[in-house]
Amino acid sequence: MVLVRYIFEDKKIPTQEVVGMVGDNILDLAEDNGMHINSNCGMVCACSTCHVYIENGEDFLTEISDKEEDFIDRALNPRIESRLSCQCNIEEDDDGNFIEVVVPDQSQIIGHEH
């Protein structure tokens, strides 16, 4: 198990922490626990609406692919910590460690509600 902390730049949305397991996806884990992250392509790495920043714990996630990097370049305000949450699967877990996901303000992104 690994703790996953979601911090939203939109301060109206509280920070939440959930427990993730190997195989869990960062986007699905958020949605399964009542948090919304925009996602338009159905988790096939064909858009950048689910863009997040992984501030801690990137070593516990699947490696970034070339295709994901290409779509991150299209996201609003990409940084070195940028990932597409639909492509981030927990690959390792280690009690006592955590993954910190910062969700950018999504008010400028047109995204599907789930």
PDB file of N, CA and C in Angstrom:
ATOM      1  N   MET A   1       0.839  -1.179   0.000  1.00  0.00           N
ATOM      2  CA  MET A   1       0.000   0.000   0.000  1.00  0.00           C
ATOM      3  C   MET A   1       0.883   1.242   0.000  1.00  0.00           C
ATOM      4  N   VAL A   2       0.391   2.260  -0.640  1.00  0.00           N
ATOM      5  CA  VAL A   2       1.081   3.549  -0.641  1.00  0.00           C
ATOM      6  C   VAL A   2       0.021   4.641  -0.503  1.00  0.00           C
ATOM      7  N   LEU A   3       0.330   5.647   0.276  1.00  0.00           N
ATOM      8  CA  LEU A   3      -0.577   6.765   0.459  1.00  0.00           C
ATOM      9  C   LEU A   3      -0.467   7.685  -0.755  1.00  0.00           C
ATOM     10  N   VAL A   4      -1.607   8.079  -1.305  1.00  0.00           N
ATOM     11  CA  VAL A   4      -1.628   9.015  -2.426  1.00  0.00           C
ATOM     12  C   VAL A   4      -2.352  10.271  -1.945  1.00  0.00           C
ATOM     13  N   ARG A   5      -1.633  11.383  -1.978  1.00  0.00           N
ATOM     14  CA  ARG A   5      -2.177  12.673  -1.531  1.00  0.00           C
ATOM     15  C   ARG A   5      -2.486  13.508  -2.770  1.00  0.00           C
ATOM     16  N   TYR A   6      -3.738  13.952  -2.867  1.00  0.00           N
ATOM     17  CA  TYR A   6      -4.176  14.814  -3.967  1.00  0.00           C
ATOM     18  C   TYR A   6      -4.335  16.232  -3.431  1.00  0.00           C
ATOM     19  N   ILE A   7      -3.574  17.149  -4.003  1.00  0.00           N
ATOM     20  CA  ILE A   7      -3.647  18.558  -3.636  1.00  0.00           C
ATOM     21  C   ILE A   7      -4.168  19.311  -4.867  1.00  0.00           C
ATOM     22  N   PHE A   8      -5.222  20.062  -4.673  1.00  0.00           N
ATOM     23  CA  PHE A   8      -5.838  20.785  -5.785  1.00  0.00           C
ATOM     24  C   PHE A   8      -5.432  22.247  -5.744  1.00  0.00           C
ATOM     25  N   GLU A   9      -4.987  22.786  -6.887  1.00  0.00           N
ATOM     26  CA  GLU A   9      -4.672  24.211  -6.962  1.00  0.00           C
ATOM     27  C   GLU A   9      -5.913  25.054  -6.727  1.00  0.00           C
ATOM     28  N   ASP A  10      -7.078  24.531  -7.097  1.00  0.00           N
ATOM     29  CA  ASP A  10      -8.344  25.193  -6.794  1.00  0.00           C
ATOM     30  C   ASP A  10      -8.585  24.989  -5.300  1.00  0.00           C
ATOM     31  N   LYS A  11      -8.365  26.026  -4.510  1.00  0.00           N
ATOM     32  CA  LYS A  11      -8.407  25.926  -3.051  1.00  0.00           C
ATOM     33  C   LYS A  11      -9.799  25.621  -2.502  1.00  0.00           C
ATOM     34  N   LYS A  12     -10.832  25.663  -3.344  1.00  0.00           N
ATOM     35  CA  LYS A  12     -12.169  25.268  -2.897  1.00  0.00           C
ATOM     36  C   LYS A  12     -12.275  23.754  -2.742  1.00  0.00           C
ATOM     37  N   ILE A  13     -11.313  23.030  -3.322  1.00  0.00           N
ATOM     38  CA  ILE A  13     -11.329  21.568  -3.245  1.00  0.00           C
ATOM     39  C   ILE A  13     -10.286  21.146  -2.209  1.00  0.00           C
ATOM     40  N   PRO A  14     -10.712  20.456  -1.168  1.00  0.00           N
ATOM     41  CA  PRO A  14      -9.769  20.097  -0.105  1.00  0.00           C
ATOM     42  C   PRO A  14      -8.774  19.023  -0.531  1.00  0.00           C
ATOM     43  N   THR A  15      -7.613  19.058   0.093  1.00  0.00           N
ATOM     44  CA  THR A  15      -6.622  18.003  -0.083  1.00  0.00           C
ATOM     45  C   THR A  15      -7.212  16.705   0.453  1.00  0.00           C
ATOM     46  N   GLN A  16      -6.956  15.619  -0.272  1.00  0.00           N
ATOM     47  CA  GLN A  16      -7.450  14.315   0.169  1.00  0.00           C
ATOM     48  C   GLN A  16      -6.337  13.290   0.076  1.00  0.00           C
ATOM     49  N   GLU A  17      -6.380  12.332   0.969  1.00  0.00           N
ATOM     50  CA  GLU A  17      -5.418  11.238   0.960  1.00  0.00           C
ATOM     51  C   GLU A  17      -6.173   9.922   0.872  1.00  0.00           C
ATOM     52  N   VAL A  18      -5.690   9.041  -0.004  1.00  0.00           N
ATOM     53  CA  VAL A  18      -6.286   7.716  -0.163  1.00  0.00           C
ATOM     54  C   VAL A  18      -5.159   6.685  -0.215  1.00  0.00           C
ATOM     55  N   VAL A  19      -5.515   5.449  -0.010  1.00  0.00           N
ATOM     56  CA  VAL A  19      -4.536   4.368  -0.078  1.00  0.00           C
ATOM     57  C   VAL A  19      -4.608   3.737  -1.462  1.00  0.00           C
ATOM     58  N   GLY A  20      -3.445   3.620  -2.105  1.00  0.00           N
ATOM     59  CA  GLY A  20      -3.358   2.986  -3.413  1.00  0.00           C
ATOM     60  C   GLY A  20      -2.587   1.679  -3.322  1.00  0.00           C
ATOM     61  N   MET A  21      -2.848   0.809  -4.274  1.00  0.00           N
ATOM     62  CA  MET A  21      -2.188  -0.493  -4.338  1.00  0.00           C
ATOM     63  C   MET A  21      -1.516  -0.642  -5.707  1.00  0.00           C
ATOM     64  N   VAL A  22      -0.591  -1.569  -5.805  1.00  0.00           N
ATOM     65  CA  VAL A  22       0.039  -1.848  -7.091  1.00  0.00           C
ATOM     66  C   VAL A  22      -1.060  -2.140  -8.120  1.00  0.00           C
ATOM     67  N   GLY A  23      -0.958  -1.492  -9.275  1.00  0.00           N
ATOM     68  CA  GLY A  23      -1.938  -1.654 -10.342  1.00  0.00           C
ATOM     69  C   GLY A  23      -2.972  -0.548 -10.391  1.00  0.00           C
ATOM     70  N   ASP A  24      -3.144   0.194  -9.289  1.00  0.00           N
ATOM     71  CA  ASP A  24      -4.098   1.300  -9.296  1.00  0.00           C
ATOM     72  C   ASP A  24      -3.595   2.418 -10.203  1.00  0.00           C
ATOM     73  N   ASN A  25      -4.533   3.103 -10.803  1.00  0.00           N
ATOM     74  CA  ASN A  25      -4.249   4.222 -11.693  1.00  0.00           C
ATOM     75  C   ASN A  25      -4.587   5.519 -10.956  1.00  0.00           C
ATOM     76  N   ILE A  26      -3.740   6.530 -11.088  1.00  0.00           N
ATOM     77  CA  ILE A  26      -3.913   7.794 -10.371  1.00  0.00           C
ATOM     78  C   ILE A  26      -5.246   8.469 -10.710  1.00  0.00           C
ATOM     79  N   LEU A  27      -5.663   8.448 -11.959  1.00  0.00           N
ATOM     80  CA  LEU A  27      -6.937   9.044 -12.359  1.00  0.00           C
ATOM     81  C   LEU A  27      -8.101   8.252 -11.777  1.00  0.00           C
ATOM     82  N   ASP A  28      -8.100   6.943 -11.961  1.00  0.00           N
ATOM     83  CA  ASP A  28      -9.185   6.106 -11.445  1.00  0.00           C
ATOM     84  C   ASP A  28      -9.279   6.180  -9.927  1.00  0.00           C
ATOM     85  N   LEU A  29      -8.136   6.200  -9.267  1.00  0.00           N
ATOM     86  CA  LEU A  29      -8.112   6.255  -7.810  1.00  0.00           C
ATOM     87  C   LEU A  29      -8.781   7.540  -7.310  1.00  0.00           C
ATOM     88  N   ALA A  30      -8.521   8.632  -7.997  1.00  0.00           N
ATOM     89  CA  ALA A  30      -9.174   9.901  -7.635  1.00  0.00           C
ATOM     90  C   ALA A  30     -10.682   9.784  -7.837  1.00  0.00           C
ATOM     91  N   GLU A  31     -11.100   9.354  -9.006  1.00  0.00           N
ATOM     92  CA  GLU A  31     -12.531   9.250  -9.319  1.00  0.00           C
ATOM     93  C   GLU A  31     -13.240   8.281  -8.379  1.00  0.00           C
ATOM     94  N   ASP A  32     -12.604   7.155  -8.067  1.00  0.00           N
ATOM     95  CA  ASP A  32     -13.201   6.152  -7.177  1.00  0.00           C
ATOM     96  C   ASP A  32     -13.386   6.687  -5.761  1.00  0.00           C
ATOM     97  N   ASN A  33     -12.669   7.753  -5.432  1.00  0.00           N
ATOM     98  CA  ASN A  33     -12.743   8.336  -4.090  1.00  0.00           C
ATOM     99  C   ASN A  33     -13.379   9.718  -4.080  1.00  0.00           C
ATOM    100  N   GLY A  34     -14.210  10.003  -5.095  1.00  0.00           N
ATOM    101  CA  GLY A  34     -15.015  11.211  -5.113  1.00  0.00           C
ATOM    102  C   GLY A  34     -14.326  12.479  -5.561  1.00  0.00           C
ATOM    103  N   MET A  35     -13.120  12.350  -6.135  1.00  0.00           N
ATOM    104  CA  MET A  35     -12.415  13.528  -6.652  1.00  0.00           C
ATOM    105  C   MET A  35     -12.524  13.530  -8.174  1.00  0.00           C
ATOM    106  N   HIS A  36     -12.643  14.708  -8.746  1.00  0.00           N
ATOM    107  CA  HIS A  36     -12.766  14.799 -10.202  1.00  0.00           C
ATOM    108  C   HIS A  36     -11.491  15.362 -10.821  1.00  0.00           C
ATOM    109  N   ILE A  37     -10.997  14.653 -11.822  1.00  0.00           N
ATOM    110  CA  ILE A  37      -9.919  15.146 -12.682  1.00  0.00           C
ATOM    111  C   ILE A  37     -10.448  15.028 -14.105  1.00  0.00           C
ATOM    112  N   ASN A  38     -10.412  16.127 -14.851  1.00  0.00           N
ATOM    113  CA  ASN A  38     -10.900  16.097 -16.228  1.00  0.00           C
ATOM    114  C   ASN A  38     -10.184  15.008 -17.025  1.00  0.00           C
ATOM    115  N   SER A  39     -10.945  14.402 -17.929  1.00  0.00           N
ATOM    116  CA  SER A  39     -10.378  13.368 -18.798  1.00  0.00           C
ATOM    117  C   SER A  39     -11.284  13.223 -20.010  1.00  0.00           C
ATOM    118  N   ASN A  40     -10.759  13.557 -21.173  1.00  0.00           N
ATOM    119  CA  ASN A  40     -11.588  13.544 -22.376  1.00  0.00           C
ATOM    120  C   ASN A  40     -11.383  12.343 -23.285  1.00  0.00           C
ATOM    121  N   CYS A  41     -10.253  11.651 -23.192  1.00  0.00           N
ATOM    122  CA  CYS A  41      -9.939  10.657 -24.220  1.00  0.00           C
ATOM    123  C   CYS A  41     -10.227   9.217 -23.809  1.00  0.00           C
ATOM    124  N   GLY A  42     -10.747   9.013 -22.618  1.00  0.00           N
ATOM    125  CA  GLY A  42     -11.033   7.649 -22.195  1.00  0.00           C
ATOM    126  C   GLY A  42      -9.795   6.886 -21.763  1.00  0.00           C
ATOM    127  N   MET A  43      -8.807   7.595 -21.269  1.00  0.00           N
ATOM    128  CA  MET A  43      -7.581   7.010 -20.722  1.00  0.00           C
ATOM    129  C   MET A  43      -6.710   6.298 -21.761  1.00  0.00           C
ATOM    130  N   VAL A  44      -6.686   6.830 -22.982  1.00  0.00           N
ATOM    131  CA  VAL A  44      -5.867   6.204 -24.028  1.00  0.00           C
ATOM    132  C   VAL A  44      -4.684   7.077 -24.446  1.00  0.00           C
ATOM    133  N   CYS A  45      -4.369   8.083 -23.635  1.00  0.00           N
ATOM    134  CA  CYS A  45      -3.225   8.957 -23.911  1.00  0.00           C
ATOM    135  C   CYS A  45      -3.373   9.656 -25.255  1.00  0.00           C
ATOM    136  N   ALA A  46      -4.529  10.316 -25.420  1.00  0.00           N
ATOM    137  CA  ALA A  46      -4.788  11.014 -26.673  1.00  0.00           C
ATOM    138  C   ALA A  46      -5.173  12.476 -26.457  1.00  0.00           C
ATOM    139  N   CYS A  47      -4.991  12.973 -25.232  1.00  0.00           N
ATOM    140  CA  CYS A  47      -5.242  14.382 -24.947  1.00  0.00           C
ATOM    141  C   CYS A  47      -4.401  14.761 -23.736  1.00  0.00           C
ATOM    142  N   SER A  48      -4.587  15.952 -23.226  1.00  0.00           N
ATOM    143  CA  SER A  48      -3.813  16.359 -22.044  1.00  0.00           C
ATOM    144  C   SER A  48      -4.708  16.889 -20.932  1.00  0.00           C
ATOM    145  N   THR A  49      -5.995  16.578 -20.979  1.00  0.00           N
ATOM    146  CA  THR A  49      -6.917  17.150 -19.999  1.00  0.00           C
ATOM    147  C   THR A  49      -6.713  16.612 -18.585  1.00  0.00           C
ATOM    148  N   CYS A  50      -6.095  15.448 -18.421  1.00  0.00           N
ATOM    149  CA  CYS A  50      -5.895  14.879 -17.085  1.00  0.00           C
ATOM    150  C   CYS A  50      -4.500  15.181 -16.536  1.00  0.00           C
ATOM    151  N   HIS A  51      -3.891  16.223 -17.048  1.00  0.00           N
ATOM    152  CA  HIS A  51      -2.550  16.645 -16.659  1.00  0.00           C
ATOM    153  C   HIS A  51      -2.469  16.938 -15.169  1.00  0.00           C
ATOM    154  N   VAL A  52      -1.441  16.395 -14.512  1.00  0.00           N
ATOM    155  CA  VAL A  52      -1.170  16.644 -13.095  1.00  0.00           C
ATOM    156  C   VAL A  52       0.335  16.807 -12.908  1.00  0.00           C
ATOM    157  N   TYR A  53       0.714  17.224 -11.712  1.00  0.00           N
ATOM    158  CA  TYR A  53       2.125  17.280 -11.338  1.00  0.00           C
ATOM    159  C   TYR A  53       2.377  16.225 -10.258  1.00  0.00           C
ATOM    160  N   ILE A  54       3.372  15.398 -10.449  1.00  0.00           N
ATOM    161  CA  ILE A  54       3.766  14.425  -9.436  1.00  0.00           C
ATOM    162  C   ILE A  54       4.905  15.055  -8.642  1.00  0.00           C
ATOM    163  N   GLU A  55       4.578  15.543  -7.461  1.00  0.00           N
ATOM    164  CA  GLU A  55       5.544  16.271  -6.638  1.00  0.00           C
ATOM    165  C   GLU A  55       6.386  15.342  -5.768  1.00  0.00           C
ATOM    166  N   ASN A  56       5.910  14.136  -5.543  1.00  0.00           N
ATOM    167  CA  ASN A  56       6.653  13.173  -4.738  1.00  0.00           C
ATOM    168  C   ASN A  56       6.196  11.765  -5.128  1.00  0.00           C
ATOM    169  N   GLY A  57       7.110  10.835  -5.107  1.00  0.00           N
ATOM    170  CA  GLY A  57       6.763   9.438  -5.320  1.00  0.00           C
ATOM    171  C   GLY A  57       6.751   8.965  -6.757  1.00  0.00           C
ATOM    172  N   GLU A  58       7.379   9.718  -7.656  1.00  0.00           N
ATOM    173  CA  GLU A  58       7.369   9.317  -9.067  1.00  0.00           C
ATOM    174  C   GLU A  58       7.987   7.941  -9.280  1.00  0.00           C
ATOM    175  N   ASP A  59       8.879   7.526  -8.377  1.00  0.00           N
ATOM    176  CA  ASP A  59       9.526   6.219  -8.505  1.00  0.00           C
ATOM    177  C   ASP A  59       8.552   5.063  -8.310  1.00  0.00           C
ATOM    178  N   PHE A  60       7.392   5.340  -7.732  1.00  0.00           N
ATOM    179  CA  PHE A  60       6.391   4.299  -7.516  1.00  0.00           C
ATOM    180  C   PHE A  60       5.469   4.133  -8.715  1.00  0.00           C
ATOM    181  N   LEU A  61       5.616   4.983  -9.735  1.00  0.00           N
ATOM    182  CA  LEU A  61       4.725   4.986 -10.897  1.00  0.00           C
ATOM    183  C   LEU A  61       5.413   4.437 -12.143  1.00  0.00           C
ATOM    184  N   THR A  62       4.600   3.994 -13.086  1.00  0.00           N
ATOM    185  CA  THR A  62       5.132   3.552 -14.363  1.00  0.00           C
ATOM    186  C   THR A  62       5.909   4.694 -15.015  1.00  0.00           C
ATOM    187  N   GLU A  63       6.900   4.336 -15.804  1.00  0.00           N
ATOM    188  CA  GLU A  63       7.710   5.351 -16.482  1.00  0.00           C
ATOM    189  C   GLU A  63       6.891   6.081 -17.530  1.00  0.00           C
ATOM    190  N   ILE A  64       7.278   7.320 -17.764  1.00  0.00           N
ATOM    191  CA  ILE A  64       6.618   8.128 -18.783  1.00  0.00           C
ATOM    192  C   ILE A  64       7.023   7.627 -20.169  1.00  0.00           C
ATOM    193  N   SER A  65       6.050   7.562 -21.067  1.00  0.00           N
ATOM    194  CA  SER A  65       6.322   7.122 -22.438  1.00  0.00           C
ATOM    195  C   SER A  65       6.561   8.332 -23.336  1.00  0.00           C
ATOM    196  N   ASP A  66       7.107   8.087 -24.514  1.00  0.00           N
ATOM    197  CA  ASP A  66       7.308   9.166 -25.485  1.00  0.00           C
ATOM    198  C   ASP A  66       5.972   9.788 -25.882  1.00  0.00           C
ATOM    199  N   LYS A  67       4.957   8.947 -26.054  1.00  0.00           N
ATOM    200  CA  LYS A  67       3.636   9.448 -26.432  1.00  0.00           C
ATOM    201  C   LYS A  67       3.074  10.366 -25.349  1.00  0.00           C
ATOM    202  N   GLU A  68       3.218   9.949 -24.083  1.00  0.00           N
ATOM    203  CA  GLU A  68       2.739  10.790 -22.982  1.00  0.00           C
ATOM    204  C   GLU A  68       3.482  12.119 -22.966  1.00  0.00           C
ATOM    205  N   GLU A  69       4.791  12.090 -23.157  1.00  0.00           N
ATOM    206  CA  GLU A  69       5.574  13.331 -23.195  1.00  0.00           C
ATOM    207  C   GLU A  69       5.073  14.269 -24.282  1.00  0.00           C
ATOM    208  N   ASP A  70       4.725  13.711 -25.450  1.00  0.00           N
ATOM    209  CA  ASP A  70       4.210  14.529 -26.548  1.00  0.00           C
ATOM    210  C   ASP A  70       2.924  15.251 -26.149  1.00  0.00           C
ATOM    211  N   PHE A  71       2.029  14.555 -25.444  1.00  0.00           N
ATOM    212  CA  PHE A  71       0.775  15.185 -25.047  1.00  0.00           C
ATOM    213  C   PHE A  71       0.957  16.149 -23.882  1.00  0.00           C
ATOM    214  N   ILE A  72       1.910  15.892 -23.013  1.00  0.00           N
ATOM    215  CA  ILE A  72       2.191  16.827 -21.921  1.00  0.00           C
ATOM    216  C   ILE A  72       2.622  18.179 -22.483  1.00  0.00           C
ATOM    217  N   ASP A  73       3.352  18.166 -23.600  1.00  0.00           N
ATOM    218  CA  ASP A  73       3.762  19.416 -24.239  1.00  0.00           C
ATOM    219  C   ASP A  73       2.568  20.271 -24.634  1.00  0.00           C
ATOM    220  N   ARG A  74       1.386  19.670 -24.787  1.00  0.00           N
ATOM    221  CA  ARG A  74       0.175  20.391 -25.172  1.00  0.00           C
ATOM    222  C   ARG A  74      -0.639  20.867 -23.972  1.00  0.00           C
ATOM    223  N   ALA A  75      -0.252  20.454 -22.780  1.00  0.00           N
ATOM    224  CA  ALA A  75      -0.983  20.807 -21.562  1.00  0.00           C
ATOM    225  C   ALA A  75      -0.729  22.262 -21.180  1.00  0.00           C
ATOM    226  N   LEU A  76      -1.615  22.812 -20.352  1.00  0.00           N
ATOM    227  CA  LEU A  76      -1.405  24.150 -19.811  1.00  0.00           C
ATOM    228  C   LEU A  76      -0.312  24.079 -18.743  1.00  0.00           C
ATOM    229  N   ASN A  77       0.657  24.934 -18.838  1.00  0.00           N
ATOM    230  CA  ASN A  77       1.732  25.057 -17.851  1.00  0.00           C
ATOM    231  C   ASN A  77       2.467  23.751 -17.528  1.00  0.00           C
ATOM    232  N   PRO A  78       2.977  23.070 -18.541  1.00  0.00           N
ATOM    233  CA  PRO A  78       3.723  21.837 -18.247  1.00  0.00           C
ATOM    234  C   PRO A  78       5.024  22.148 -17.509  1.00  0.00           C
ATOM    235  N   ARG A  79       5.415  21.220 -16.643  1.00  0.00           N
ATOM    236  CA  ARG A  79       6.662  21.327 -15.893  1.00  0.00           C
ATOM    237  C   ARG A  79       7.362  19.975 -15.931  1.00  0.00           C
ATOM    238  N   ILE A  80       8.542  19.926 -15.379  1.00  0.00           N
ATOM    239  CA  ILE A  80       9.308  18.687 -15.352  1.00  0.00           C
ATOM    240  C   ILE A  80       8.551  17.595 -14.579  1.00  0.00           C
ATOM    241  N   GLU A  81       7.715  17.986 -13.617  1.00  0.00           N
ATOM    242  CA  GLU A  81       6.953  17.032 -12.805  1.00  0.00           C
ATOM    243  C   GLU A  81       5.642  16.611 -13.459  1.00  0.00           C
ATOM    244  N   SER A  82       5.358  17.104 -14.666  1.00  0.00           N
ATOM    245  CA  SER A  82       4.079  16.845 -15.321  1.00  0.00           C
ATOM    246  C   SER A  82       3.932  15.388 -15.741  1.00  0.00           C
ATOM    247  N   ARG A  83       2.724  14.890 -15.557  1.00  0.00           N
ATOM    248  CA  ARG A  83       2.329  13.569 -16.031  1.00  0.00           C
ATOM    249  C   ARG A  83       0.864  13.640 -16.429  1.00  0.00           C
ATOM    250  N   LEU A  84       0.424  12.674 -17.192  1.00  0.00           N
ATOM    251  CA  LEU A  84      -1.000  12.497 -17.468  1.00  0.00           C
ATOM    252  C   LEU A  84      -1.497  11.465 -16.468  1.00  0.00           C
ATOM    253  N   SER A  85      -2.473  11.836 -15.654  1.00  0.00           N
ATOM    254  CA  SER A  85      -2.902  10.937 -14.579  1.00  0.00           C
ATOM    255  C   SER A  85      -3.450   9.619 -15.104  1.00  0.00           C
ATOM    256  N   CYS A  86      -3.959   9.613 -16.334  1.00  0.00           N
ATOM    257  CA  CYS A  86      -4.481   8.360 -16.906  1.00  0.00           C
ATOM    258  C   CYS A  86      -3.372   7.375 -17.240  1.00  0.00           C
ATOM    259  N   GLN A  87      -2.145   7.827 -17.286  1.00  0.00           N
ATOM    260  CA  GLN A  87      -1.015   6.966 -17.639  1.00  0.00           C
ATOM    261  C   GLN A  87      -0.160   6.593 -16.431  1.00  0.00           C
ATOM    262  N   CYS A  88      -0.538   7.064 -15.262  1.00  0.00           N
ATOM    263  CA  CYS A  88       0.234   6.814 -14.039  1.00  0.00           C
ATOM    264  C   CYS A  88      -0.359   5.649 -13.271  1.00  0.00           C
ATOM    265  N   ASN A  89       0.256   4.508 -13.389  1.00  0.00           N
ATOM    266  CA  ASN A  89      -0.153   3.341 -12.620  1.00  0.00           C
ATOM    267  C   ASN A  89       0.856   3.110 -11.508  1.00  0.00           C
ATOM    268  N   ILE A  90       0.346   2.751 -10.340  1.00  0.00           N
ATOM    269  CA  ILE A  90       1.230   2.442  -9.229  1.00  0.00           C
ATOM    270  C   ILE A  90       1.915   1.120  -9.533  1.00  0.00           C
ATOM    271  N   GLU A  91       3.227   1.168  -9.579  1.00  0.00           N
ATOM    272  CA  GLU A  91       4.021   0.001  -9.955  1.00  0.00           C
ATOM    273  C   GLU A  91       4.672  -0.651  -8.735  1.00  0.00           C
ATOM    274  N   GLU A  92       4.925   0.157  -7.721  1.00  0.00           N
ATOM    275  CA  GLU A  92       5.524  -0.328  -6.480  1.00  0.00           C
ATOM    276  C   GLU A  92       4.805   0.336  -5.326  1.00  0.00           C
ATOM    277  N   ASP A  93       4.774  -0.365  -4.221  1.00  0.00           N
ATOM    278  CA  ASP A  93       4.259   0.277  -3.014  1.00  0.00           C
ATOM    279  C   ASP A  93       5.188  -0.053  -1.862  1.00  0.00           C
ATOM    280  N   ASP A  94       5.200   0.829  -0.923  1.00  0.00           N
ATOM    281  CA  ASP A  94       6.096   0.685   0.211  1.00  0.00           C
ATOM    282  C   ASP A  94       5.485   1.443   1.375  1.00  0.00           C
ATOM    283  N   ASP A  95       5.078   0.719   2.389  1.00  0.00           N
ATOM    284  CA  ASP A  95       4.475   1.377   3.548  1.00  0.00           C
ATOM    285  C   ASP A  95       5.374   2.498   4.050  1.00  0.00           C
ATOM    286  N   GLY A  96       4.768   3.589   4.428  1.00  0.00           N
ATOM    287  CA  GLY A  96       5.514   4.721   4.951  1.00  0.00           C
ATOM    288  C   GLY A  96       5.885   5.741   3.891  1.00  0.00           C
ATOM    289  N   ASN A  97       5.706   5.417   2.633  1.00  0.00           N
ATOM    290  CA  ASN A  97       6.000   6.363   1.555  1.00  0.00           C
ATOM    291  C   ASN A  97       4.697   6.881   0.966  1.00  0.00           C
ATOM    292  N   PHE A  98       4.810   7.941   0.183  1.00  0.00           N
ATOM    293  CA  PHE A  98       3.593   8.506  -0.399  1.00  0.00           C
ATOM    294  C   PHE A  98       3.875   9.089  -1.783  1.00  0.00           C
ATOM    295  N   ILE A  99       2.787   9.204  -2.520  1.00  0.00           N
ATOM    296  CA  ILE A  99       2.787   9.870  -3.819  1.00  0.00           C
ATOM    297  C   ILE A  99       1.993  11.153  -3.628  1.00  0.00           C
ATOM    298  N   GLU A 100       2.564  12.273  -4.062  1.00  0.00           N
ATOM    299  CA  GLU A 100       1.849  13.547  -3.959  1.00  0.00           C
ATOM    300  C   GLU A 100       1.510  14.028  -5.362  1.00  0.00           C
ATOM    301  N   VAL A 101       0.218  14.183  -5.598  1.00  0.00           N
ATOM    302  CA  VAL A 101      -0.304  14.595  -6.899  1.00  0.00           C
ATOM    303  C   VAL A 101      -0.904  15.983  -6.750  1.00  0.00           C
ATOM    304  N   VAL A 102      -0.393  16.932  -7.513  1.00  0.00           N
ATOM    305  CA  VAL A 102      -0.977  18.275  -7.527  1.00  0.00           C
ATOM    306  C   VAL A 102      -1.819  18.387  -8.801  1.00  0.00           C
ATOM    307  N   VAL A 103      -3.091  18.684  -8.606  1.00  0.00           N
ATOM    308  CA  VAL A 103      -4.018  18.806  -9.728  1.00  0.00           C
ATOM    309  C   VAL A 103      -4.150  20.284 -10.068  1.00  0.00           C
ATOM    310  N   PRO A 104      -3.685  20.670 -11.271  1.00  0.00           N
ATOM    311  CA  PRO A 104      -3.786  22.079 -11.661  1.00  0.00           C
ATOM    312  C   PRO A 104      -5.244  22.549 -11.685  1.00  0.00           C
ATOM    313  N   ASP A 105      -5.431  23.852 -11.566  1.00  0.00           N
ATOM    314  CA  ASP A 105      -6.768  24.428 -11.674  1.00  0.00           C
ATOM    315  C   ASP A 105      -7.339  24.035 -13.030  1.00  0.00           C
ATOM    316  N   GLN A 106      -8.454  23.350 -13.004  1.00  0.00           N
ATOM    317  CA  GLN A 106      -9.037  22.823 -14.243  1.00  0.00           C
ATOM    318  C   GLN A 106     -10.119  23.720 -14.831  1.00  0.00           C
ATOM    319  N   SER A 107     -10.271  24.925 -14.285  1.00  0.00           N
ATOM    320  CA  SER A 107     -11.355  25.803 -14.731  1.00  0.00           C
ATOM    321  C   SER A 107     -11.187  26.257 -16.177  1.00  0.00           C
ATOM    322  N   GLN A 108      -9.983  26.219 -16.711  1.00  0.00           N
ATOM    323  CA  GLN A 108      -9.745  26.634 -18.101  1.00  0.00           C
ATOM    324  C   GLN A 108      -9.801  25.466 -19.076  1.00  0.00           C
ATOM    325  N   ILE A 109     -10.065  24.268 -18.555  1.00  0.00           N
ATOM    326  CA  ILE A 109     -10.078  23.052 -19.380  1.00  0.00           C
ATOM    327  C   ILE A 109     -11.504  22.558 -19.521  1.00  0.00           C
ATOM    328  N   ILE A 110     -11.902  22.298 -20.739  1.00  0.00           N
ATOM    329  CA  ILE A 110     -13.208  21.706 -20.958  1.00  0.00           C
ATOM    330  C   ILE A 110     -13.020  20.203 -20.848  1.00  0.00           C
ATOM    331  N   GLY A 111     -13.641  19.618 -19.843  1.00  0.00           N
ATOM    332  CA  GLY A 111     -13.470  18.197 -19.591  1.00  0.00           C
ATOM    333  C   GLY A 111     -14.797  17.521 -19.329  1.00  0.00           C
ATOM    334  N   HIS A 112     -14.865  16.250 -19.623  1.00  0.00           N
ATOM    335  CA  HIS A 112     -16.071  15.476 -19.400  1.00  0.00           C
ATOM    336  C   HIS A 112     -16.266  15.175 -17.929  1.00  0.00           C
ATOM    337  N   GLU A 113     -17.506  15.272 -17.480  1.00  0.00           N
ATOM    338  CA  GLU A 113     -17.855  14.839 -16.123  1.00  0.00           C
ATOM    339  C   GLU A 113     -18.054  13.332 -16.192  1.00  0.00           C
ATOM    340  N   HIS A 114     -17.746  12.674 -15.115  1.00  0.00           N
ATOM    341  CA  HIS A 114     -17.883  11.206 -15.067  1.00  0.00           C
ATOM    342  C   HIS A 114     -19.066  10.826 -14.222  1.00  0.00           C
TER     343      HIS A 114
END
